[in-house]
């Protein structure tokens, strides 16, 4: 129990830390960080339930007002912003990533982690993000989807990194890969 709680807290902190570095802002004011890599790693390393809980803990800390999002944002106001869907999608994306990782044991760890990260950490999170943009910005599905297309290449790179990191962790410390235990 203590190990699970420690890992959940540690990965929530990892998501927060990855929001700080690297950070740069696109010309239209949207910051790019590595936070989604943290969400992907929650699932690939911790598995479905622990990974989802780590991302949920992160979202709860943001809701409580901790400035853990890019640009030092936090508090209930972020749940009324155009990016609310992405934030709400973090725990579900981490869960789906971990679920796929848990179920796809026949594949090599790196491949399973990369594919899981794409499906859960990108497709699921983007589905929530696009829906959030549709609601807050009053956009159509096509318009909201076009708004996020600039972020897809970077997130695909993060998914590949999640595969390599998870594979390296599996080789260096197999017992720490809770998604496969």
N, C-alpha and C. Protein backbone atom coordinates (compact mmCIF):
# COMPACT_ATOMS: atom_id res chain seq x y z
N UNK A 1 0.82 -1.20 0.00
CA UNK A 1 0.00 0.00 0.00
C UNK A 1 0.86 1.27 0.00
N UNK A 2 1.90 1.27 0.85
CA UNK A 2 2.77 2.45 0.93
C UNK A 2 3.49 2.68 -0.39
N UNK A 3 3.94 1.58 -1.02
CA UNK A 3 4.63 1.72 -2.30
C UNK A 3 3.70 2.31 -3.35
N UNK A 4 2.46 1.84 -3.39
CA UNK A 4 1.50 2.37 -4.36
C UNK A 4 1.26 3.85 -4.15
N UNK A 5 1.04 4.26 -2.91
CA UNK A 5 0.80 5.68 -2.62
C UNK A 5 2.01 6.53 -2.98
N UNK A 6 3.19 6.00 -2.68
CA UNK A 6 4.41 6.73 -3.00
C UNK A 6 4.56 6.91 -4.50
N UNK A 7 4.32 5.85 -5.25
CA UNK A 7 4.45 5.92 -6.71
C UNK A 7 3.40 6.86 -7.32
N UNK A 8 2.18 6.82 -6.80
CA UNK A 8 1.13 7.71 -7.29
C UNK A 8 1.52 9.17 -7.05
N UNK A 9 2.00 9.47 -5.84
CA UNK A 9 2.42 10.84 -5.52
C UNK A 9 3.63 11.24 -6.34
N UNK A 10 4.57 10.33 -6.52
CA UNK A 10 5.77 10.62 -7.29
C UNK A 10 5.45 10.95 -8.74
N UNK A 11 4.53 10.20 -9.33
CA UNK A 11 4.19 10.46 -10.73
C UNK A 11 3.31 11.69 -10.88
N UNK A 12 2.50 12.02 -9.89
CA UNK A 12 1.78 13.30 -9.93
C UNK A 12 2.79 14.45 -9.91
N UNK A 13 3.84 14.29 -9.09
CA UNK A 13 4.90 15.30 -9.05
C UNK A 13 5.66 15.36 -10.37
N UNK A 14 5.84 14.21 -11.01
CA UNK A 14 6.52 14.18 -12.31
C UNK A 14 5.73 14.97 -13.35
N UNK A 15 4.41 14.79 -13.37
CA UNK A 15 3.58 15.56 -14.32
C UNK A 15 3.77 17.06 -14.05
N UNK A 16 3.75 17.44 -12.79
CA UNK A 16 3.91 18.85 -12.43
C UNK A 16 5.28 19.37 -12.87
N UNK A 17 6.33 18.60 -12.61
CA UNK A 17 7.68 19.03 -12.97
C UNK A 17 7.85 19.15 -14.48
N UNK A 18 7.23 18.24 -15.22
CA UNK A 18 7.34 18.29 -16.68
C UNK A 18 6.57 19.47 -17.26
N UNK A 19 5.72 20.10 -16.47
CA UNK A 19 5.03 21.31 -16.90
C UNK A 19 5.94 22.53 -16.87
N UNK A 20 7.04 22.41 -16.16
CA UNK A 20 7.96 23.53 -16.02
C UNK A 20 9.04 23.55 -17.09
N UNK A 21 9.45 22.36 -17.52
CA UNK A 21 10.53 22.28 -18.49
C UNK A 21 10.21 21.27 -19.57
N UNK A 22 10.55 21.42 -20.79
CA UNK A 22 10.84 22.71 -21.39
C UNK A 22 9.54 23.45 -21.61
N UNK A 23 9.57 24.74 -21.57
CA UNK A 23 8.34 25.50 -21.79
C UNK A 23 8.61 26.61 -22.79
N UNK A 24 7.83 26.60 -23.83
CA UNK A 24 7.85 27.74 -24.75
C UNK A 24 6.42 27.93 -25.26
N UNK A 25 6.14 29.13 -25.69
CA UNK A 25 4.79 29.49 -26.07
C UNK A 25 4.72 29.71 -27.58
N UNK A 26 3.71 29.12 -28.18
CA UNK A 26 3.48 29.32 -29.61
C UNK A 26 3.01 30.75 -29.85
N UNK A 27 3.06 31.18 -31.09
CA UNK A 27 2.70 32.55 -31.45
C UNK A 27 1.29 32.95 -31.05
N UNK A 28 0.40 31.97 -30.89
CA UNK A 28 -0.97 32.31 -30.52
C UNK A 28 -1.25 32.08 -29.04
N UNK A 29 -0.18 32.05 -28.24
CA UNK A 29 -0.34 32.07 -26.79
C UNK A 29 -0.48 30.74 -26.08
N UNK A 30 -0.37 29.62 -26.79
CA UNK A 30 -0.53 28.32 -26.14
C UNK A 30 0.84 27.78 -25.75
N UNK A 31 1.04 27.48 -24.47
CA UNK A 31 2.34 26.96 -24.04
C UNK A 31 2.48 25.47 -24.37
N UNK A 32 3.69 25.09 -24.73
CA UNK A 32 4.00 23.68 -24.97
C UNK A 32 4.93 23.22 -23.85
N UNK A 33 4.55 22.13 -23.21
CA UNK A 33 5.38 21.55 -22.15
C UNK A 33 5.46 20.05 -22.38
N UNK A 34 6.11 19.37 -21.46
CA UNK A 34 6.23 17.92 -21.53
C UNK A 34 5.23 17.23 -20.59
N UNK A 35 4.23 17.96 -20.09
CA UNK A 35 3.29 17.37 -19.15
C UNK A 35 2.58 16.15 -19.70
N UNK A 36 2.25 16.16 -20.97
CA UNK A 36 1.57 15.00 -21.53
C UNK A 36 2.48 13.78 -21.53
N UNK A 37 3.80 13.97 -21.60
CA UNK A 37 4.73 12.85 -21.45
C UNK A 37 4.58 12.24 -20.05
N UNK A 38 4.40 13.07 -19.05
CA UNK A 38 4.18 12.56 -17.68
C UNK A 38 2.92 11.73 -17.58
N UNK A 39 1.87 12.17 -18.25
CA UNK A 39 0.61 11.42 -18.26
C UNK A 39 0.82 10.06 -18.92
N UNK A 40 1.54 10.06 -20.05
CA UNK A 40 1.82 8.80 -20.75
C UNK A 40 2.63 7.86 -19.86
N UNK A 41 3.65 8.40 -19.19
CA UNK A 41 4.48 7.57 -18.32
C UNK A 41 3.72 7.03 -17.12
N UNK A 42 2.74 7.79 -16.64
CA UNK A 42 1.89 7.28 -15.55
C UNK A 42 1.28 5.95 -15.95
N UNK A 43 0.74 5.89 -17.15
CA UNK A 43 0.11 4.67 -17.60
C UNK A 43 1.10 3.58 -17.94
N UNK A 44 2.17 3.92 -18.67
CA UNK A 44 3.10 2.87 -19.10
C UNK A 44 3.89 2.27 -17.95
N UNK A 45 4.16 3.06 -16.93
CA UNK A 45 4.97 2.57 -15.81
C UNK A 45 4.09 2.04 -14.67
N UNK A 46 3.05 2.79 -14.30
CA UNK A 46 2.25 2.43 -13.13
C UNK A 46 1.08 1.51 -13.45
N UNK A 47 0.66 1.45 -14.69
CA UNK A 47 -0.52 0.67 -15.04
C UNK A 47 -1.78 1.52 -14.97
N UNK A 48 -2.90 0.87 -15.22
CA UNK A 48 -4.17 1.58 -15.38
C UNK A 48 -4.60 2.33 -14.12
N UNK A 49 -4.82 1.61 -13.05
CA UNK A 49 -5.40 2.25 -11.86
C UNK A 49 -4.44 3.21 -11.18
N UNK A 50 -3.22 2.79 -10.95
CA UNK A 50 -2.26 3.68 -10.29
C UNK A 50 -1.93 4.88 -11.18
N UNK A 51 -1.77 4.64 -12.49
CA UNK A 51 -1.49 5.74 -13.41
C UNK A 51 -2.63 6.74 -13.48
N UNK A 52 -3.86 6.22 -13.55
CA UNK A 52 -5.03 7.10 -13.54
C UNK A 52 -5.15 7.89 -12.26
N UNK A 53 -4.86 7.24 -11.13
CA UNK A 53 -4.91 7.93 -9.84
C UNK A 53 -3.83 9.00 -9.72
N UNK A 54 -2.64 8.74 -10.27
CA UNK A 54 -1.57 9.74 -10.24
C UNK A 54 -1.99 10.98 -11.02
N UNK A 55 -2.55 10.78 -12.20
CA UNK A 55 -3.01 11.92 -13.01
C UNK A 55 -4.20 12.61 -12.34
N UNK A 56 -5.07 11.84 -11.71
CA UNK A 56 -6.21 12.43 -10.99
C UNK A 56 -5.72 13.26 -9.80
N UNK A 57 -4.72 12.78 -9.10
CA UNK A 57 -4.13 13.56 -8.00
C UNK A 57 -3.58 14.88 -8.52
N UNK A 58 -2.91 14.84 -9.66
CA UNK A 58 -2.39 16.06 -10.27
C UNK A 58 -3.52 17.05 -10.56
N UNK A 59 -4.60 16.56 -11.17
CA UNK A 59 -5.75 17.41 -11.50
C UNK A 59 -6.36 17.98 -10.22
N UNK A 60 -6.46 17.17 -9.17
CA UNK A 60 -7.01 17.65 -7.90
C UNK A 60 -6.15 18.75 -7.31
N UNK A 61 -4.84 18.59 -7.39
CA UNK A 61 -3.94 19.63 -6.87
C UNK A 61 -4.07 20.93 -7.66
N UNK A 62 -4.26 20.82 -8.96
CA UNK A 62 -4.50 22.00 -9.79
C UNK A 62 -5.81 22.66 -9.36
N UNK A 63 -6.85 21.85 -9.15
CA UNK A 63 -8.16 22.38 -8.73
C UNK A 63 -8.07 23.09 -7.39
N UNK A 64 -7.20 22.60 -6.51
CA UNK A 64 -7.03 23.23 -5.19
C UNK A 64 -6.28 24.56 -5.27
N UNK A 65 -5.75 24.86 -6.45
CA UNK A 65 -5.11 26.16 -6.63
C UNK A 65 -3.61 26.12 -6.79
N UNK A 66 -2.99 24.95 -6.72
CA UNK A 66 -1.55 24.89 -6.92
C UNK A 66 -1.21 25.26 -8.36
N UNK A 67 -0.24 26.12 -8.57
CA UNK A 67 0.10 26.58 -9.93
C UNK A 67 0.97 25.58 -10.67
N UNK A 68 0.41 24.43 -11.00
CA UNK A 68 1.18 23.32 -11.57
C UNK A 68 1.10 23.23 -13.09
N UNK A 69 0.21 23.98 -13.68
CA UNK A 69 0.09 23.94 -15.14
C UNK A 69 1.06 24.93 -15.77
N UNK A 70 1.29 24.76 -17.06
CA UNK A 70 2.19 25.66 -17.78
C UNK A 70 1.80 27.11 -17.53
N UNK A 71 2.78 27.93 -17.34
CA UNK A 71 2.53 29.34 -17.08
C UNK A 71 2.13 29.61 -15.64
N UNK A 72 2.27 28.63 -14.75
CA UNK A 72 1.93 28.81 -13.34
C UNK A 72 0.44 28.91 -13.08
N UNK A 73 -0.37 28.26 -13.94
CA UNK A 73 -1.82 28.31 -13.76
C UNK A 73 -2.29 27.22 -12.80
N UNK A 74 -3.34 27.52 -12.11
CA UNK A 74 -3.98 26.57 -11.20
C UNK A 74 -5.25 27.18 -10.66
N UNK A 75 -6.03 26.40 -9.96
CA UNK A 75 -7.28 26.89 -9.41
C UNK A 75 -8.46 26.51 -10.27
N UNK A 76 -9.63 26.79 -9.77
CA UNK A 76 -10.86 26.39 -10.47
C UNK A 76 -11.06 27.11 -11.80
N UNK A 77 -10.42 28.26 -11.96
CA UNK A 77 -10.56 29.01 -13.21
C UNK A 77 -10.08 28.24 -14.43
N UNK A 78 -9.11 27.34 -14.25
CA UNK A 78 -8.62 26.58 -15.41
C UNK A 78 -9.69 25.63 -15.95
N UNK A 79 -10.69 25.33 -15.13
CA UNK A 79 -11.76 24.44 -15.57
C UNK A 79 -12.81 25.18 -16.41
N UNK A 80 -12.59 26.48 -16.61
CA UNK A 80 -13.45 27.26 -17.50
C UNK A 80 -12.67 27.73 -18.72
N UNK A 81 -11.42 27.27 -18.85
CA UNK A 81 -10.58 27.70 -19.97
C UNK A 81 -10.74 26.75 -21.15
N UNK A 82 -10.28 27.15 -22.32
CA UNK A 82 -10.40 26.28 -23.50
C UNK A 82 -9.64 24.95 -23.37
N UNK A 83 -8.67 24.88 -22.48
CA UNK A 83 -7.89 23.65 -22.33
C UNK A 83 -8.45 22.71 -21.26
N UNK A 84 -9.64 22.99 -20.75
CA UNK A 84 -10.22 22.17 -19.69
C UNK A 84 -10.33 20.71 -20.10
N UNK A 85 -10.67 20.44 -21.34
CA UNK A 85 -10.84 19.06 -21.79
C UNK A 85 -9.56 18.26 -21.68
N UNK A 86 -8.44 18.89 -22.00
CA UNK A 86 -7.16 18.20 -21.88
C UNK A 86 -6.89 17.83 -20.43
N UNK A 87 -7.12 18.78 -19.53
CA UNK A 87 -6.89 18.54 -18.11
C UNK A 87 -7.79 17.42 -17.58
N UNK A 88 -9.06 17.46 -17.94
CA UNK A 88 -10.00 16.42 -17.53
C UNK A 88 -9.61 15.08 -18.16
N UNK A 89 -9.05 15.13 -19.35
CA UNK A 89 -8.67 13.91 -20.05
C UNK A 89 -7.40 13.26 -19.52
N UNK A 90 -6.58 13.99 -18.75
CA UNK A 90 -5.34 13.42 -18.23
C UNK A 90 -5.56 12.10 -17.47
N UNK A 91 -6.43 12.06 -16.46
CA UNK A 91 -6.58 10.79 -15.72
C UNK A 91 -7.13 9.66 -16.59
N UNK A 92 -8.04 9.98 -17.47
CA UNK A 92 -8.64 8.94 -18.32
C UNK A 92 -7.60 8.47 -19.34
N UNK A 93 -6.84 9.39 -19.89
CA UNK A 93 -5.77 9.01 -20.81
C UNK A 93 -4.72 8.15 -20.14
N UNK A 94 -4.33 8.50 -18.92
CA UNK A 94 -3.35 7.68 -18.18
C UNK A 94 -3.92 6.29 -17.90
N UNK A 95 -5.21 6.24 -17.54
CA UNK A 95 -5.85 4.95 -17.28
C UNK A 95 -5.85 4.08 -18.54
N UNK A 96 -6.28 4.65 -19.66
CA UNK A 96 -6.35 3.89 -20.92
C UNK A 96 -4.94 3.45 -21.34
N UNK A 97 -3.96 4.33 -21.22
CA UNK A 97 -2.58 3.97 -21.53
C UNK A 97 -2.14 2.78 -20.69
N UNK A 98 -2.40 2.84 -19.40
CA UNK A 98 -2.04 1.75 -18.51
C UNK A 98 -2.82 0.48 -18.79
N UNK A 99 -4.09 0.62 -19.13
CA UNK A 99 -4.92 -0.55 -19.42
C UNK A 99 -4.39 -1.30 -20.64
N UNK A 100 -4.05 -0.56 -21.69
CA UNK A 100 -3.49 -1.20 -22.89
C UNK A 100 -2.16 -1.86 -22.55
N UNK A 101 -1.35 -1.17 -21.78
CA UNK A 101 -0.05 -1.71 -21.37
C UNK A 101 -0.24 -2.99 -20.54
N UNK A 102 -1.21 -2.96 -19.64
CA UNK A 102 -1.51 -4.13 -18.80
C UNK A 102 -1.94 -5.33 -19.65
N UNK A 103 -2.76 -5.07 -20.65
CA UNK A 103 -3.35 -6.14 -21.45
C UNK A 103 -2.44 -6.67 -22.55
N UNK A 104 -1.55 -5.84 -23.06
CA UNK A 104 -0.74 -6.22 -24.21
C UNK A 104 0.64 -6.73 -23.76
N UNK A 105 0.63 -7.79 -22.99
CA UNK A 105 1.86 -8.34 -22.44
C UNK A 105 2.69 -9.12 -23.44
N UNK A 106 2.08 -9.53 -24.55
CA UNK A 106 2.81 -10.32 -25.54
C UNK A 106 3.79 -9.47 -26.36
N UNK A 107 3.58 -8.17 -26.39
CA UNK A 107 4.45 -7.28 -27.17
C UNK A 107 5.66 -6.87 -26.34
N UNK A 108 6.77 -6.54 -27.02
CA UNK A 108 7.92 -5.99 -26.30
C UNK A 108 7.50 -4.73 -25.54
N UNK A 109 8.13 -4.48 -24.42
CA UNK A 109 7.74 -3.36 -23.54
C UNK A 109 7.76 -2.02 -24.28
N UNK A 110 8.82 -1.75 -25.02
CA UNK A 110 8.93 -0.46 -25.72
C UNK A 110 7.83 -0.25 -26.73
N UNK A 111 7.52 -1.28 -27.50
CA UNK A 111 6.44 -1.18 -28.49
C UNK A 111 5.09 -1.00 -27.81
N UNK A 112 4.83 -1.82 -26.79
CA UNK A 112 3.56 -1.71 -26.07
C UNK A 112 3.41 -0.33 -25.44
N UNK A 113 4.50 0.19 -24.87
CA UNK A 113 4.44 1.51 -24.24
C UNK A 113 4.21 2.61 -25.27
N UNK A 114 4.89 2.54 -26.41
CA UNK A 114 4.71 3.56 -27.44
C UNK A 114 3.30 3.57 -28.00
N UNK A 115 2.78 2.39 -28.32
CA UNK A 115 1.42 2.30 -28.86
C UNK A 115 0.40 2.71 -27.80
N UNK A 116 0.61 2.28 -26.56
CA UNK A 116 -0.30 2.66 -25.47
C UNK A 116 -0.32 4.16 -25.27
N UNK A 117 0.86 4.77 -25.37
CA UNK A 117 0.97 6.22 -25.20
C UNK A 117 0.23 6.97 -26.31
N UNK A 118 0.31 6.44 -27.53
CA UNK A 118 -0.40 7.08 -28.65
C UNK A 118 -1.91 6.96 -28.44
N UNK A 119 -2.37 5.75 -28.10
CA UNK A 119 -3.81 5.54 -27.98
C UNK A 119 -4.41 6.24 -26.76
N UNK A 120 -3.78 6.08 -25.61
CA UNK A 120 -4.32 6.69 -24.39
C UNK A 120 -3.87 8.12 -24.18
N UNK A 121 -2.56 8.35 -24.34
CA UNK A 121 -2.00 9.65 -24.04
C UNK A 121 -2.23 10.70 -25.11
N UNK A 122 -2.54 10.27 -26.32
CA UNK A 122 -2.83 11.24 -27.39
C UNK A 122 -4.29 11.17 -27.79
N UNK A 123 -4.73 10.04 -28.32
CA UNK A 123 -6.10 9.96 -28.85
C UNK A 123 -7.15 10.24 -27.78
N UNK A 124 -7.03 9.61 -26.62
CA UNK A 124 -8.04 9.81 -25.57
C UNK A 124 -7.98 11.24 -25.04
N UNK A 125 -6.78 11.71 -24.73
CA UNK A 125 -6.64 13.07 -24.18
C UNK A 125 -7.11 14.11 -25.20
N UNK A 126 -6.77 13.92 -26.46
CA UNK A 126 -7.21 14.85 -27.50
C UNK A 126 -8.72 14.83 -27.68
N UNK A 127 -9.33 13.65 -27.55
CA UNK A 127 -10.79 13.58 -27.67
C UNK A 127 -11.45 14.47 -26.62
N UNK A 128 -10.96 14.40 -25.39
CA UNK A 128 -11.49 15.26 -24.33
C UNK A 128 -11.13 16.72 -24.59
N UNK A 129 -9.89 16.95 -25.04
CA UNK A 129 -9.45 18.32 -25.32
C UNK A 129 -10.25 18.99 -26.41
N UNK A 130 -10.50 18.26 -27.48
CA UNK A 130 -11.28 18.81 -28.59
C UNK A 130 -12.71 19.09 -28.14
N UNK A 131 -13.28 18.17 -27.38
CA UNK A 131 -14.64 18.40 -26.87
C UNK A 131 -14.68 19.64 -25.97
N UNK A 132 -13.68 19.81 -25.11
CA UNK A 132 -13.61 20.99 -24.25
C UNK A 132 -13.50 22.27 -25.05
N UNK A 133 -12.72 22.24 -26.12
CA UNK A 133 -12.60 23.43 -26.97
C UNK A 133 -13.91 23.72 -27.70
N UNK A 134 -14.60 22.67 -28.12
CA UNK A 134 -15.89 22.87 -28.76
C UNK A 134 -16.86 23.57 -27.82
N UNK A 135 -16.86 23.17 -26.56
CA UNK A 135 -17.79 23.74 -25.58
C UNK A 135 -17.42 25.16 -25.17
N UNK A 136 -16.14 25.37 -24.86
CA UNK A 136 -15.74 26.69 -24.33
C UNK A 136 -15.56 27.75 -25.41
N UNK A 137 -15.18 27.33 -26.61
CA UNK A 137 -14.94 28.29 -27.68
C UNK A 137 -16.08 28.35 -28.70
N UNK A 138 -17.09 27.52 -28.49
CA UNK A 138 -18.23 27.45 -29.39
C UNK A 138 -17.77 27.15 -30.83
N UNK A 139 -16.95 26.11 -30.96
CA UNK A 139 -16.42 25.70 -32.26
C UNK A 139 -17.07 24.39 -32.70
N UNK A 140 -17.00 24.13 -33.99
CA UNK A 140 -17.46 22.85 -34.51
C UNK A 140 -16.36 21.81 -34.26
N UNK A 141 -16.70 20.56 -34.48
CA UNK A 141 -15.72 19.49 -34.32
C UNK A 141 -14.52 19.72 -35.24
N UNK A 142 -14.77 20.08 -36.47
CA UNK A 142 -13.67 20.31 -37.43
C UNK A 142 -12.82 21.49 -36.99
N UNK A 143 -13.46 22.59 -36.59
CA UNK A 143 -12.70 23.78 -36.16
C UNK A 143 -11.83 23.48 -34.94
N UNK A 144 -12.40 22.78 -33.96
CA UNK A 144 -11.64 22.46 -32.75
C UNK A 144 -10.50 21.49 -33.06
N UNK A 145 -10.74 20.55 -33.95
CA UNK A 145 -9.70 19.60 -34.34
C UNK A 145 -8.55 20.32 -35.04
N UNK A 146 -8.88 21.28 -35.89
CA UNK A 146 -7.84 22.05 -36.58
C UNK A 146 -7.00 22.86 -35.59
N UNK A 147 -7.61 23.30 -34.50
CA UNK A 147 -6.88 24.08 -33.50
C UNK A 147 -5.78 23.27 -32.80
N UNK A 148 -5.96 21.97 -32.71
CA UNK A 148 -4.98 21.15 -31.98
C UNK A 148 -3.98 20.44 -32.88
N UNK A 149 -4.15 20.52 -34.18
CA UNK A 149 -3.28 19.76 -35.08
C UNK A 149 -1.81 20.14 -34.97
N UNK A 150 -1.50 21.36 -34.58
CA UNK A 150 -0.10 21.78 -34.46
C UNK A 150 0.63 21.04 -33.34
N UNK A 151 -0.11 20.47 -32.40
CA UNK A 151 0.50 19.81 -31.25
C UNK A 151 0.75 18.31 -31.49
N UNK A 152 0.18 17.76 -32.53
CA UNK A 152 0.27 16.31 -32.77
C UNK A 152 1.71 15.84 -32.99
N UNK A 153 2.52 16.50 -33.82
CA UNK A 153 3.90 16.01 -34.00
C UNK A 153 4.69 15.95 -32.68
N UNK A 154 4.56 16.97 -31.86
CA UNK A 154 5.27 16.97 -30.57
C UNK A 154 4.79 15.86 -29.66
N UNK A 155 3.49 15.61 -29.66
CA UNK A 155 2.97 14.54 -28.81
C UNK A 155 3.36 13.17 -29.34
N UNK A 156 3.49 13.02 -30.63
CA UNK A 156 3.99 11.75 -31.18
C UNK A 156 5.43 11.51 -30.74
N UNK A 157 6.23 12.56 -30.71
CA UNK A 157 7.61 12.45 -30.21
C UNK A 157 7.59 12.04 -28.74
N UNK A 158 6.69 12.63 -27.96
CA UNK A 158 6.58 12.27 -26.54
C UNK A 158 6.17 10.81 -26.37
N UNK A 159 5.30 10.30 -27.25
CA UNK A 159 4.89 8.89 -27.17
C UNK A 159 6.07 7.97 -27.45
N UNK A 160 6.89 8.34 -28.42
CA UNK A 160 8.09 7.55 -28.71
C UNK A 160 9.03 7.58 -27.51
N UNK A 161 9.20 8.77 -26.94
CA UNK A 161 10.03 8.88 -25.73
C UNK A 161 9.49 8.02 -24.59
N UNK A 162 8.17 8.01 -24.42
CA UNK A 162 7.57 7.18 -23.38
C UNK A 162 7.90 5.71 -23.61
N UNK A 163 7.90 5.28 -24.88
CA UNK A 163 8.27 3.91 -25.20
C UNK A 163 9.71 3.61 -24.83
N UNK A 164 10.62 4.50 -25.20
CA UNK A 164 12.03 4.30 -24.89
C UNK A 164 12.30 4.35 -23.38
N UNK A 165 11.70 5.32 -22.70
CA UNK A 165 11.91 5.45 -21.25
C UNK A 165 11.38 4.22 -20.52
N UNK A 166 10.18 3.79 -20.89
CA UNK A 166 9.58 2.63 -20.24
C UNK A 166 10.40 1.38 -20.52
N UNK A 167 10.86 1.21 -21.75
CA UNK A 167 11.70 0.07 -22.10
C UNK A 167 13.01 0.09 -21.32
N UNK A 168 13.63 1.25 -21.22
CA UNK A 168 14.87 1.37 -20.45
C UNK A 168 14.65 1.07 -18.98
N UNK A 169 13.55 1.53 -18.44
CA UNK A 169 13.23 1.25 -17.04
C UNK A 169 13.00 -0.23 -16.82
N UNK A 170 12.34 -0.89 -17.79
CA UNK A 170 12.09 -2.33 -17.68
C UNK A 170 13.39 -3.12 -17.67
N UNK A 171 14.37 -2.65 -18.44
CA UNK A 171 15.67 -3.34 -18.47
C UNK A 171 16.49 -3.06 -17.21
N UNK A 172 16.48 -1.80 -16.77
CA UNK A 172 17.30 -1.42 -15.62
C UNK A 172 16.72 -1.88 -14.29
N UNK A 173 15.41 -1.75 -14.14
CA UNK A 173 14.74 -2.10 -12.88
C UNK A 173 13.39 -2.74 -13.19
N UNK A 174 13.38 -3.99 -13.60
CA UNK A 174 12.12 -4.63 -14.02
C UNK A 174 11.02 -4.58 -12.97
N UNK A 175 11.36 -4.65 -11.71
CA UNK A 175 10.34 -4.64 -10.64
C UNK A 175 9.65 -3.30 -10.52
N UNK A 176 10.26 -2.23 -11.06
CA UNK A 176 9.64 -0.91 -10.94
C UNK A 176 8.58 -0.67 -12.00
N UNK A 177 8.48 -1.55 -12.98
CA UNK A 177 7.47 -1.42 -14.03
C UNK A 177 6.19 -2.10 -13.55
N UNK A 178 5.40 -1.34 -12.80
CA UNK A 178 4.20 -1.89 -12.17
C UNK A 178 3.13 -2.27 -13.17
N UNK A 179 3.18 -1.71 -14.38
CA UNK A 179 2.18 -2.05 -15.40
C UNK A 179 2.34 -3.47 -15.89
N UNK A 180 3.46 -4.07 -15.65
CA UNK A 180 3.72 -5.43 -16.11
C UNK A 180 3.88 -6.42 -14.95
N UNK A 181 3.59 -5.98 -13.73
CA UNK A 181 3.74 -6.89 -12.59
C UNK A 181 2.42 -7.45 -12.12
